[in-house]
Each structure stands twice: as C-alpha cells, then as structure tokens.
Amino acid sequence: MKLLVATALLAAQAAAFTVAPGNQPSSTRLFAGDYEPMEGESKINLKIDLDSPKVATMDDIEKGKKVYCRCWLSGTFPLCDGTHAKHNEATGDNVGPLIVAVKKGE
C-alpha cells in the first residue's frame, strides 16, 4: 500500500515537468543542483511549519481517497480544503489538489 502512495506521489511530481503540447518551456529544471530562481520567484510556503528545514508528510491510505493540498494555503494542510479555488480566482493561476485513491478491489 505504501508503494502505491509513493508511486502516486512520484507520478504527480513527474507530471510537474510535463510540457503541454504546443507549449515550449523557456528552460528545463530537473536537477536541484542546477536550480536558480526565476525573476520574481519567491517562497511558495508562507505559513506551514516555517521553522522546519523541509516540510514532508508521510501518510497511509488503505481505502477510499485523500485529497492533498498543493497550493500551501489550506487551513487543513496537508489535506486540501479548497482554498486553491479562491487563489486561482484572485490570481488567474490553475493550481489544484493531488488526489490519491486506492483502486477498488485492492
């Protein structure tokens, strides 16, 4: 089961580097050692566990589904509370949650 959750999280992270057809990235950043902030880029996380050097969450899911926050604005972080919808409306962004589900019959 942990393998399923880990696989889903890795797939979601890999999807962040997928380029939509017709869109060409200005640069490809796949290696943390090569990372340089883009002009105007700033912190994403402005309120969750700010004293920690890295915010990482481990979770088990045995049945059903869980919806995880990816906007860092949820009042129920790491779970999504829908706050991204207000953020998207205000900024024109398109961020949404990560949804992890256990396949029926497993």
PDB file of N, CA and C in Angstrom:
ATOM      1  N   MET A   1       0.819  -1.186   0.000  1.00  0.00           N
ATOM      2  CA  MET A   1       0.000   0.000   0.000  1.00  0.00           C
ATOM      3  C   MET A   1       0.862   1.249   0.000  1.00  0.00           C
ATOM      4  N   LYS A   2       1.925   1.246   0.828  1.00  0.00           N
ATOM      5  CA  LYS A   2       2.823   2.403   0.861  1.00  0.00           C
ATOM      6  C   LYS A   2       3.460   2.622  -0.500  1.00  0.00           C
ATOM      7  N   LEU A   3       3.717   1.512  -1.204  1.00  0.00           N
ATOM      8  CA  LEU A   3       4.309   1.611  -2.533  1.00  0.00           C
ATOM      9  C   LEU A   3       3.348   2.321  -3.480  1.00  0.00           C
ATOM     10  N   LEU A   4       2.059   2.053  -3.370  1.00  0.00           N
ATOM     11  CA  LEU A   4       1.058   2.698  -4.218  1.00  0.00           C
ATOM     12  C   LEU A   4       1.039   4.200  -3.976  1.00  0.00           C
ATOM     13  N   VAL A   5       1.059   4.617  -2.722  1.00  0.00           N
ATOM     14  CA  VAL A   5       1.055   6.042  -2.388  1.00  0.00           C
ATOM     15  C   VAL A   5       2.337   6.694  -2.878  1.00  0.00           C
ATOM     16  N   ALA A   6       3.472   6.040  -2.654  1.00  0.00           N
ATOM     17  CA  ALA A   6       4.752   6.590  -3.097  1.00  0.00           C
ATOM     18  C   ALA A   6       4.783   6.718  -4.617  1.00  0.00           C
ATOM     19  N   THR A   7       4.257   5.724  -5.316  1.00  0.00           N
ATOM     20  CA  THR A   7       4.213   5.762  -6.773  1.00  0.00           C
ATOM     21  C   THR A   7       3.338   6.908  -7.252  1.00  0.00           C
ATOM     22  N   ALA A   8       2.192   7.100  -6.602  1.00  0.00           N
ATOM     23  CA  ALA A   8       1.291   8.193  -6.983  1.00  0.00           C
ATOM     24  C   ALA A   8       1.955   9.545  -6.767  1.00  0.00           C
ATOM     25  N   LEU A   9       2.667   9.691  -5.665  1.00  0.00           N
ATOM     26  CA  LEU A   9       3.345  10.965  -5.391  1.00  0.00           C
ATOM     27  C   LEU A   9       4.459  11.212  -6.396  1.00  0.00           C
ATOM     28  N   LEU A  10       5.207  10.175  -6.755  1.00  0.00           N
ATOM     29  CA  LEU A  10       6.260  10.335  -7.747  1.00  0.00           C
ATOM     30  C   LEU A  10       5.677  10.693  -9.108  1.00  0.00           C
ATOM     31  N   ALA A  11       4.566  10.072  -9.463  1.00  0.00           N
ATOM     32  CA  ALA A  11       3.915  10.379 -10.740  1.00  0.00           C
ATOM     33  C   ALA A  11       3.453  11.830 -10.770  1.00  0.00           C
ATOM     34  N   ALA A  12       2.917  12.310  -9.652  1.00  0.00           N
ATOM     35  CA  ALA A  12       2.464  13.702  -9.590  1.00  0.00           C
ATOM     36  C   ALA A  12       3.640  14.653  -9.727  1.00  0.00           C
ATOM     37  N   GLN A  13       4.770  14.323  -9.092  1.00  0.00           N
ATOM     38  CA  GLN A  13       5.946  15.172  -9.212  1.00  0.00           C
ATOM     39  C   GLN A  13       6.478  15.163 -10.632  1.00  0.00           C
ATOM     40  N   ALA A  14       6.477  14.002 -11.271  1.00  0.00           N
ATOM     41  CA  ALA A  14       6.948  13.907 -12.650  1.00  0.00           C
ATOM     42  C   ALA A  14       6.038  14.697 -13.580  1.00  0.00           C
ATOM     43  N   ALA A  15       4.741  14.700 -13.300  1.00  0.00           N
ATOM     44  CA  ALA A  15       3.803  15.451 -14.127  1.00  0.00           C
ATOM     45  C   ALA A  15       4.085  16.938 -14.090  1.00  0.00           C
ATOM     46  N   ALA A  16       4.686  17.418 -13.013  1.00  0.00           N
ATOM     47  CA  ALA A  16       5.017  18.840 -12.917  1.00  0.00           C
ATOM     48  C   ALA A  16       6.040  19.238 -13.971  1.00  0.00           C
ATOM     49  N   PHE A  17       6.787  18.272 -14.510  1.00  0.00           N
ATOM     50  CA  PHE A  17       7.795  18.573 -15.521  1.00  0.00           C
ATOM     51  C   PHE A  17       7.300  18.275 -16.933  1.00  0.00           C
ATOM     52  N   THR A  18       6.035  17.894 -17.082  1.00  0.00           N
ATOM     53  CA  THR A  18       5.468  17.585 -18.381  1.00  0.00           C
ATOM     54  C   THR A  18       5.064  18.870 -19.076  1.00  0.00           C
ATOM     55  N   VAL A  19       5.420  18.994 -20.333  1.00  0.00           N
ATOM     56  CA  VAL A  19       5.068  20.174 -21.106  1.00  0.00           C
ATOM     57  C   VAL A  19       3.839  19.864 -21.941  1.00  0.00           C
ATOM     58  N   ALA A  20       2.828  20.726 -21.851  1.00  0.00           N
ATOM     59  CA  ALA A  20       1.614  20.543 -22.633  1.00  0.00           C
ATOM     60  C   ALA A  20       1.943  20.706 -24.112  1.00  0.00           C
ATOM     61  N   PRO A  21       1.238  19.959 -24.990  1.00  0.00           N
ATOM     62  CA  PRO A  21       1.506  20.077 -26.425  1.00  0.00           C
ATOM     63  C   PRO A  21       1.392  21.536 -26.869  1.00  0.00           C
ATOM     64  N   GLY A  22       2.366  21.985 -27.646  1.00  0.00           N
ATOM     65  CA  GLY A  22       2.349  23.348 -28.152  1.00  0.00           C
ATOM     66  C   GLY A  22       3.036  24.349 -27.242  1.00  0.00           C
ATOM     67  N   ASN A  23       3.304  23.970 -26.007  1.00  0.00           N
ATOM     68  CA  ASN A  23       3.991  24.867 -25.076  1.00  0.00           C
ATOM     69  C   ASN A  23       5.450  24.457 -24.974  1.00  0.00           C
ATOM     70  N   GLN A  24       6.325  25.395 -25.155  1.00  0.00           N
ATOM     71  CA  GLN A  24       7.749  25.114 -25.033  1.00  0.00           C
ATOM     72  C   GLN A  24       8.280  25.827 -23.804  1.00  0.00           C
ATOM     73  N   PRO A  25       8.885  25.094 -22.881  1.00  0.00           N
ATOM     74  CA  PRO A  25       9.424  25.746 -21.682  1.00  0.00           C
ATOM     75  C   PRO A  25      10.611  26.623 -22.040  1.00  0.00           C
ATOM     76  N   SER A  26      10.798  27.710 -21.273  1.00  0.00           N
ATOM     77  CA  SER A  26      11.958  28.564 -21.506  1.00  0.00           C
ATOM     78  C   SER A  26      13.225  27.872 -21.003  1.00  0.00           C
ATOM     79  N   SER A  27      13.066  26.979 -20.033  1.00  0.00           N
ATOM     80  CA  SER A  27      14.192  26.194 -19.550  1.00  0.00           C
ATOM     81  C   SER A  27      13.649  24.939 -18.883  1.00  0.00           C
ATOM     82  N   THR A  28      14.462  23.907 -18.817  1.00  0.00           N
ATOM     83  CA  THR A  28      14.065  22.673 -18.158  1.00  0.00           C
ATOM     84  C   THR A  28      14.897  22.532 -16.900  1.00  0.00           C
ATOM     85  N   ARG A  29      14.216  22.348 -15.778  1.00  0.00           N
ATOM     86  CA  ARG A  29      14.920  22.245 -14.499  1.00  0.00           C
ATOM     87  C   ARG A  29      14.562  20.931 -13.842  1.00  0.00           C
ATOM     88  N   LEU A  30      15.399  19.950 -14.030  1.00  0.00           N
ATOM     89  CA  LEU A  30      15.135  18.652 -13.444  1.00  0.00           C
ATOM     90  C   LEU A  30      16.082  18.313 -12.311  1.00  0.00           C
ATOM     91  N   PHE A  31      17.154  19.073 -12.154  1.00  0.00           N
ATOM     92  CA  PHE A  31      18.154  18.757 -11.156  1.00  0.00           C
ATOM     93  C   PHE A  31      18.248  19.880 -10.138  1.00  0.00           C
ATOM     94  N   ALA A  32      18.048  19.562  -8.878  1.00  0.00           N
ATOM     95  CA  ALA A  32      18.049  20.583  -7.829  1.00  0.00           C
ATOM     96  C   ALA A  32      19.368  21.349  -7.789  1.00  0.00           C
ATOM     97  N   GLY A  33      20.475  20.700  -8.067  1.00  0.00           N
ATOM     98  CA  GLY A  33      21.770  21.368  -8.038  1.00  0.00           C
ATOM     99  C   GLY A  33      21.894  22.456  -9.089  1.00  0.00           C
ATOM    100  N   ASP A  34      21.099  22.363 -10.159  1.00  0.00           N
ATOM    101  CA  ASP A  34      21.129  23.342 -11.240  1.00  0.00           C
ATOM    102  C   ASP A  34      20.076  24.424 -11.071  1.00  0.00           C
ATOM    103  N   TYR A  35      19.313  24.373 -10.006  1.00  0.00           N
ATOM    104  CA  TYR A  35      18.179  25.275  -9.851  1.00  0.00           C
ATOM    105  C   TYR A  35      18.599  26.697  -9.529  1.00  0.00           C
ATOM    106  N   GLU A  36      18.054  27.644 -10.263  1.00  0.00           N
ATOM    107  CA  GLU A  36      18.204  29.064  -9.974  1.00  0.00           C
ATOM    108  C   GLU A  36      16.817  29.674 -10.051  1.00  0.00           C
ATOM    109  N   PRO A  37      16.419  30.475  -9.059  1.00  0.00           N
ATOM    110  CA  PRO A  37      15.085  31.075  -9.086  1.00  0.00           C
ATOM    111  C   PRO A  37      14.874  31.931 -10.331  1.00  0.00           C
ATOM    112  N   MET A  38      13.657  31.879 -10.873  1.00  0.00           N
ATOM    113  CA  MET A  38      13.299  32.735 -11.999  1.00  0.00           C
ATOM    114  C   MET A  38      13.067  34.158 -11.493  1.00  0.00           C
ATOM    115  N   GLU A  39      13.168  35.110 -12.372  1.00  0.00           N
ATOM    116  CA  GLU A  39      12.952  36.500 -11.998  1.00  0.00           C
ATOM    117  C   GLU A  39      11.574  36.663 -11.364  1.00  0.00           C
ATOM    118  N   GLY A  40      11.532  37.278 -10.200  1.00  0.00           N
ATOM    119  CA  GLY A  40      10.272  37.494  -9.495  1.00  0.00           C
ATOM    120  C   GLY A  40       9.817  36.316  -8.655  1.00  0.00           C
ATOM    121  N   GLU A  41      10.514  35.180  -8.732  1.00  0.00           N
ATOM    122  CA  GLU A  41      10.126  33.998  -7.979  1.00  0.00           C
ATOM    123  C   GLU A  41      10.440  34.185  -6.500  1.00  0.00           C
ATOM    124  N   SER A  42       9.523  33.745  -5.662  1.00  0.00           N
ATOM    125  CA  SER A  42       9.739  33.859  -4.216  1.00  0.00           C
ATOM    126  C   SER A  42       9.237  32.594  -3.537  1.00  0.00           C
ATOM    127  N   LYS A  43       9.207  32.610  -2.209  1.00  0.00           N
ATOM    128  CA  LYS A  43       8.774  31.443  -1.459  1.00  0.00           C
ATOM    129  C   LYS A  43       7.350  31.047  -1.822  1.00  0.00           C
ATOM    130  N   ILE A  44       7.095  29.759  -1.847  1.00  0.00           N
ATOM    131  CA  ILE A  44       5.750  29.237  -2.064  1.00  0.00           C
ATOM    132  C   ILE A  44       5.051  29.077  -0.718  1.00  0.00           C
ATOM    133  N   ASN A  45       5.734  28.455   0.219  1.00  0.00           N
ATOM    134  CA  ASN A  45       5.172  28.181   1.536  1.00  0.00           C
ATOM    135  C   ASN A  45       5.351  29.399   2.432  1.00  0.00           C
ATOM    136  N   LEU A  46       4.241  30.033   2.767  1.00  0.00           N
ATOM    137  CA  LEU A  46       4.298  31.227   3.603  1.00  0.00           C
ATOM    138  C   LEU A  46       3.728  31.010   5.000  1.00  0.00           C
ATOM    139  N   LYS A  47       3.230  29.762   5.303  1.00  0.00           N
ATOM    140  CA  LYS A  47       2.625  29.592   6.624  1.00  0.00           C
ATOM    141  C   LYS A  47       2.736  28.207   7.248  1.00  0.00           C
ATOM    142  N   ILE A  48       3.152  27.184   6.549  1.00  0.00           N
ATOM    143  CA  ILE A  48       3.156  25.824   7.076  1.00  0.00           C
ATOM    144  C   ILE A  48       4.526  25.467   7.644  1.00  0.00           C
ATOM    145  N   ASP A  49       4.599  25.199   8.967  1.00  0.00           N
ATOM    146  CA  ASP A  49       5.811  24.684   9.613  1.00  0.00           C
ATOM    147  C   ASP A  49       7.073  25.414   9.146  1.00  0.00           C
ATOM    148  N   LEU A  50       7.071  26.734   9.242  1.00  0.00           N
ATOM    149  CA  LEU A  50       8.148  27.560   8.696  1.00  0.00           C
ATOM    150  C   LEU A  50       9.504  27.350   9.365  1.00  0.00           C
ATOM    151  N   ASP A  51       9.530  26.823  10.584  1.00  0.00           N
ATOM    152  CA  ASP A  51      10.798  26.583  11.276  1.00  0.00           C
ATOM    153  C   ASP A  51      11.485  25.301  10.828  1.00  0.00           C
ATOM    154  N   SER A  52      10.788  24.464  10.092  1.00  0.00           N
ATOM    155  CA  SER A  52      11.349  23.201   9.624  1.00  0.00           C
ATOM    156  C   SER A  52      12.183  23.434   8.364  1.00  0.00           C
ATOM    157  N   PRO A  53      13.330  22.742   8.228  1.00  0.00           N
ATOM    158  CA  PRO A  53      14.133  22.909   7.015  1.00  0.00           C
ATOM    159  C   PRO A  53      13.434  22.358   5.764  1.00  0.00           C
ATOM    160  N   LYS A  54      12.503  21.397   5.940  1.00  0.00           N
ATOM    161  CA  LYS A  54      11.749  20.844   4.815  1.00  0.00           C
ATOM    162  C   LYS A  54      10.432  20.304   5.347  1.00  0.00           C
ATOM    163  N   VAL A  55       9.350  20.620   4.694  1.00  0.00           N
ATOM    164  CA  VAL A  55       8.043  20.097   5.084  1.00  0.00           C
ATOM    165  C   VAL A  55       7.786  18.847   4.253  1.00  0.00           C
ATOM    166  N   ALA A  56       7.734  17.708   4.918  1.00  0.00           N
ATOM    167  CA  ALA A  56       7.469  16.435   4.253  1.00  0.00           C
ATOM    168  C   ALA A  56       6.387  15.713   5.049  1.00  0.00           C
ATOM    169  N   THR A  57       5.475  15.085   4.346  1.00  0.00           N
ATOM    170  CA  THR A  57       4.356  14.412   5.003  1.00  0.00           C
ATOM    171  C   THR A  57       4.300  12.963   4.550  1.00  0.00           C
ATOM    172  N   MET A  58       4.229  12.055   5.509  1.00  0.00           N
ATOM    173  CA  MET A  58       4.028  10.630   5.224  1.00  0.00           C
ATOM    174  C   MET A  58       2.600  10.298   5.609  1.00  0.00           C
ATOM    175  N   ASP A  59       1.950   9.493   4.818  1.00  0.00           N
ATOM    176  CA  ASP A  59       0.565   9.146   5.095  1.00  0.00           C
ATOM    177  C   ASP A  59       0.290   7.756   4.554  1.00  0.00           C
ATOM    178  N   ASP A  60      -0.601   7.038   5.210  1.00  0.00           N
ATOM    179  CA  ASP A  60      -1.071   5.734   4.738  1.00  0.00           C
ATOM    180  C   ASP A  60      -2.503   5.891   4.275  1.00  0.00           C
ATOM    181  N   ILE A  61      -2.841   5.198   3.214  1.00  0.00           N
ATOM    182  CA  ILE A  61      -4.216   5.189   2.743  1.00  0.00           C
ATOM    183  C   ILE A  61      -4.579   3.740   2.457  1.00  0.00           C
ATOM    184  N   GLU A  62      -5.596   3.255   3.131  1.00  0.00           N
ATOM    185  CA  GLU A  62      -5.971   1.854   2.995  1.00  0.00           C
ATOM    186  C   GLU A  62      -7.217   1.666   2.147  1.00  0.00           C
ATOM    187  N   LYS A  63      -8.108   2.667   2.139  1.00  0.00           N
ATOM    188  CA  LYS A  63      -9.304   2.577   1.308  1.00  0.00           C
ATOM    189  C   LYS A  63      -9.771   3.982   0.979  1.00  0.00           C
ATOM    190  N   GLY A  64     -10.578   4.090  -0.064  1.00  0.00           N
ATOM    191  CA  GLY A  64     -11.124   5.383  -0.440  1.00  0.00           C
ATOM    192  C   GLY A  64     -10.099   6.265  -1.108  1.00  0.00           C
ATOM    193  N   LYS A  65     -10.145   7.579  -0.794  1.00  0.00           N
ATOM    194  CA  LYS A  65      -9.208   8.514  -1.385  1.00  0.00           C
ATOM    195  C   LYS A  65      -8.902   9.637  -0.405  1.00  0.00           C
ATOM    196  N   LYS A  66      -7.799  10.321  -0.662  1.00  0.00           N
ATOM    197  CA  LYS A  66      -7.418  11.507   0.097  1.00  0.00           C
ATOM    198  C   LYS A  66      -7.069  12.592  -0.912  1.00  0.00           C
ATOM    199  N   VAL A  67      -7.356  13.820  -0.536  1.00  0.00           N
ATOM    200  CA  VAL A  67      -7.114  14.959  -1.406  1.00  0.00           C
ATOM    201  C   VAL A  67      -6.105  15.863  -0.695  1.00  0.00           C
ATOM    202  N   TYR A  68      -4.917  15.996  -1.296  1.00  0.00           N
ATOM    203  CA  TYR A  68      -3.818  16.718  -0.679  1.00  0.00           C
ATOM    204  C   TYR A  68      -3.641  18.104  -1.295  1.00  0.00           C
ATOM    205  N   CYS A  69      -3.293  19.057  -0.445  1.00  0.00           N
ATOM    206  CA  CYS A  69      -3.061  20.446  -0.852  1.00  0.00           C
ATOM    207  C   CYS A  69      -1.752  20.564  -1.618  1.00  0.00           C
ATOM    208  N   ARG A  70      -1.776  21.331  -2.715  1.00  0.00           N
ATOM    209  CA  ARG A  70      -0.548  21.663  -3.439  1.00  0.00           C
ATOM    210  C   ARG A  70      -0.341  23.170  -3.533  1.00  0.00           C
ATOM    211  N   CYS A  71      -1.258  23.957  -2.945  1.00  0.00           N
ATOM    212  CA  CYS A  71      -1.122  25.418  -3.027  1.00  0.00           C
ATOM    213  C   CYS A  71      -0.488  26.022  -1.781  1.00  0.00           C
ATOM    214  N   TRP A  72      -0.324  25.251  -0.744  1.00  0.00           N
ATOM    215  CA  TRP A  72       0.259  25.680   0.529  1.00  0.00           C
ATOM    216  C   TRP A  72      -0.635  26.653   1.291  1.00  0.00           C
ATOM    217  N   LEU A  73      -1.884  26.784   0.928  1.00  0.00           N
ATOM    218  CA  LEU A  73      -2.768  27.749   1.571  1.00  0.00           C
ATOM    219  C   LEU A  73      -3.856  27.097   2.412  1.00  0.00           C
ATOM    220  N   SER A  74      -3.973  25.782   2.375  1.00  0.00           N
ATOM    221  CA  SER A  74      -5.041  25.068   3.066  1.00  0.00           C
ATOM    222  C   SER A  74      -4.970  25.233   4.581  1.00  0.00           C
ATOM    223  N   GLY A  75      -6.111  25.458   5.187  1.00  0.00           N
ATOM    224  CA  GLY A  75      -6.196  25.511   6.642  1.00  0.00           C
ATOM    225  C   GLY A  75      -6.124  24.132   7.265  1.00  0.00           C
ATOM    226  N   THR A  76      -6.211  23.088   6.459  1.00  0.00           N
ATOM    227  CA  THR A  76      -6.144  21.711   6.943  1.00  0.00           C
ATOM    228  C   THR A  76      -4.925  20.986   6.367  1.00  0.00           C
ATOM    229  N   PHE A  77      -3.887  21.751   5.995  1.00  0.00           N
ATOM    230  CA  PHE A  77      -2.691  21.171   5.392  1.00  0.00           C
ATOM    231  C   PHE A  77      -2.171  19.999   6.211  1.00  0.00           C
ATOM    232  N   PRO A  78      -1.812  18.875   5.621  1.00  0.00           N
ATOM    233  CA  PRO A  78      -1.528  18.644   4.218  1.00  0.00           C
ATOM    234  C   PRO A  78      -2.751  18.309   3.370  1.00  0.00           C
ATOM    235  N   LEU A  79      -3.936  18.223   3.987  1.00  0.00           N
ATOM    236  CA  LEU A  79      -5.130  17.924   3.209  1.00  0.00           C
ATOM    237  C   LEU A  79      -5.698  19.202   2.605  1.00  0.00           C
ATOM    238  N   CYS A  80      -6.339  19.071   1.457  1.00  0.00           N
ATOM    239  CA  CYS A  80      -6.916  20.197   0.742  1.00  0.00           C
ATOM    240  C   CYS A  80      -8.233  20.614   1.391  1.00  0.00           C
ATOM    241  N   ASP A  81      -8.451  21.929   1.498  1.00  0.00           N
ATOM    242  CA  ASP A  81      -9.743  22.431   1.972  1.00  0.00           C
ATOM    243  C   ASP A  81     -10.422  23.297   0.911  1.00  0.00           C
ATOM    244  N   GLY A  82      -9.877  23.304  -0.307  1.00  0.00           N
ATOM    245  CA  GLY A  82     -10.477  24.045  -1.410  1.00  0.00           C
ATOM    246  C   GLY A  82     -10.022  25.492  -1.524  1.00  0.00           C
ATOM    247  N   THR A  83      -9.111  25.928  -0.672  1.00  0.00           N
ATOM    248  CA  THR A  83      -8.645  27.310  -0.696  1.00  0.00           C
ATOM    249  C   THR A  83      -8.028  27.679  -2.047  1.00  0.00           C
ATOM    250  N   HIS A  84      -7.487  26.692  -2.760  1.00  0.00           N
ATOM    251  CA  HIS A  84      -6.872  26.975  -4.064  1.00  0.00           C
ATOM    252  C   HIS A  84      -7.854  27.634  -5.029  1.00  0.00           C
ATOM    253  N   ALA A  85      -9.141  27.355  -4.887  1.00  0.00           N
ATOM    254  CA  ALA A  85     -10.140  27.943  -5.786  1.00  0.00           C
ATOM    255  C   ALA A  85     -10.160  29.473  -5.645  1.00  0.00           C
ATOM    256  N   LYS A  86     -10.099  29.969  -4.418  1.00  0.00           N
ATOM    257  CA  LYS A  86     -10.050  31.418  -4.195  1.00  0.00           C
ATOM    258  C   LYS A  86      -8.745  32.000  -4.727  1.00  0.00           C
ATOM    259  N   HIS A  87      -7.652  31.281  -4.497  1.00  0.00           N
ATOM    260  CA  HIS A  87      -6.347  31.711  -5.006  1.00  0.00           C
ATOM    261  C   HIS A  87      -6.393  31.806  -6.531  1.00  0.00           C
ATOM    262  N   ASN A  88      -6.921  30.772  -7.184  1.00  0.00           N
ATOM    263  CA  ASN A  88      -6.988  30.754  -8.645  1.00  0.00           C
ATOM    264  C   ASN A  88      -7.827  31.905  -9.180  1.00  0.00           C
ATOM    265  N   GLU A  89      -8.955  32.161  -8.534  1.00  0.00           N
ATOM    266  CA  GLU A  89      -9.833  33.249  -8.971  1.00  0.00           C
ATOM    267  C   GLU A  89      -9.131  34.600  -8.833  1.00  0.00           C
ATOM    268  N   ALA A  90      -8.403  34.791  -7.745  1.00  0.00           N
ATOM    269  CA  ALA A  90      -7.739  36.061  -7.484  1.00  0.00           C
ATOM    270  C   ALA A  90      -6.510  36.282  -8.363  1.00  0.00           C
ATOM    271  N   THR A  91      -5.820  35.209  -8.742  1.00  0.00           N
ATOM    272  CA  THR A  91      -4.536  35.355  -9.429  1.00  0.00           C
ATOM    273  C   THR A  91      -4.549  34.889 -10.883  1.00  0.00           C
ATOM    274  N   GLY A  92      -5.568  34.147 -11.288  1.00  0.00           N
ATOM    275  CA  GLY A  92      -5.569  33.571 -12.624  1.00  0.00           C
ATOM    276  C   GLY A  92      -4.746  32.305 -12.714  1.00  0.00           C
ATOM    277  N   ASP A  93      -4.288  31.792 -11.574  1.00  0.00           N
ATOM    278  CA  ASP A  93      -3.498  30.564 -11.514  1.00  0.00           C
ATOM    279  C   ASP A  93      -4.413  29.371 -11.787  1.00  0.00           C
ATOM    280  N   ASN A  94      -3.848  28.182 -11.897  1.00  0.00           N
ATOM    281  CA  ASN A  94      -4.650  26.980 -12.153  1.00  0.00           C
ATOM    282  C   ASN A  94      -4.270  25.824 -11.235  1.00  0.00           C
ATOM    283  N   VAL A  95      -3.760  26.123 -10.048  1.00  0.00           N
ATOM    284  CA  VAL A  95      -3.320  25.086  -9.127  1.00  0.00           C
ATOM    285  C   VAL A  95      -4.527  24.302  -8.592  1.00  0.00           C
ATOM    286  N   GLY A  96      -4.317  23.025  -8.372  1.00  0.00           N
ATOM    287  CA  GLY A  96      -5.360  22.165  -7.810  1.00  0.00           C
ATOM    288  C   GLY A  96      -4.732  21.121  -6.907  1.00  0.00           C
ATOM    289  N   PRO A  97      -5.552  20.282  -6.290  1.00  0.00           N
ATOM    290  CA  PRO A  97      -5.046  19.304  -5.330  1.00  0.00           C
ATOM    291  C   PRO A  97      -4.449  18.069  -5.998  1.00  0.00           C
ATOM    292  N   LEU A  98      -3.744  17.286  -5.194  1.00  0.00           N
ATOM    293  CA  LEU A  98      -3.302  15.952  -5.574  1.00  0.00           C
ATOM    294  C   LEU A  98      -4.313  14.990  -4.978  1.00  0.00           C
ATOM    295  N   ILE A  99      -4.930  14.178  -5.808  1.00  0.00           N
ATOM    296  CA  ILE A  99      -5.934  13.218  -5.340  1.00  0.00           C
ATOM    297  C   ILE A  99      -5.330  11.822  -5.442  1.00  0.00           C
ATOM    298  N   VAL A 100      -5.267  11.125  -4.314  1.00  0.00           N
ATOM    299  CA  VAL A 100      -4.725   9.774  -4.257  1.00  0.00           C
ATOM    300  C   VAL A 100      -5.851   8.839  -3.871  1.00  0.00           C
ATOM    301  N   ALA A 101      -6.060   7.806  -4.664  1.00  0.00           N
ATOM    302  CA  ALA A 101      -7.147   6.869  -4.412  1.00  0.00           C
ATOM    303  C   ALA A 101      -6.639   5.439  -4.459  1.00  0.00           C
ATOM    304  N   VAL A 102      -7.240   4.598  -3.658  1.00  0.00           N
ATOM    305  CA  VAL A 102      -6.963   3.167  -3.697  1.00  0.00           C
ATOM    306  C   VAL A 102      -7.923   2.551  -4.707  1.00  0.00           C
ATOM    307  N   LYS A 103      -7.390   1.775  -5.633  1.00  0.00           N
ATOM    308  CA  LYS A 103      -8.238   1.127  -6.619  1.00  0.00           C
ATOM    309  C   LYS A 103      -9.162   0.141  -5.925  1.00  0.00           C
ATOM    310  N   LYS A 104     -10.393   0.090  -6.377  1.00  0.00           N
ATOM    311  CA  LYS A 104     -11.345  -0.859  -5.794  1.00  0.00           C
ATOM    312  C   LYS A 104     -10.843  -2.272  -6.025  1.00  0.00           C
ATOM    313  N   GLY A 105     -11.010  -3.103  -4.987  1.00  0.00           N
ATOM    314  CA  GLY A 105     -10.572  -4.486  -5.072  1.00  0.00           C
ATOM    315  C   GLY A 105      -9.167  -4.717  -4.556  1.00  0.00           C
ATOM    316  N   GLU A 106      -8.496  -3.676  -4.102  1.00  0.00           N
ATOM    317  CA  GLU A 106      -7.145  -3.847  -3.568  1.00  0.00           C
ATOM    318  C   GLU A 106      -7.164  -3.756  -2.069  1.00  0.00           C
TER     319      GLU A 106
END
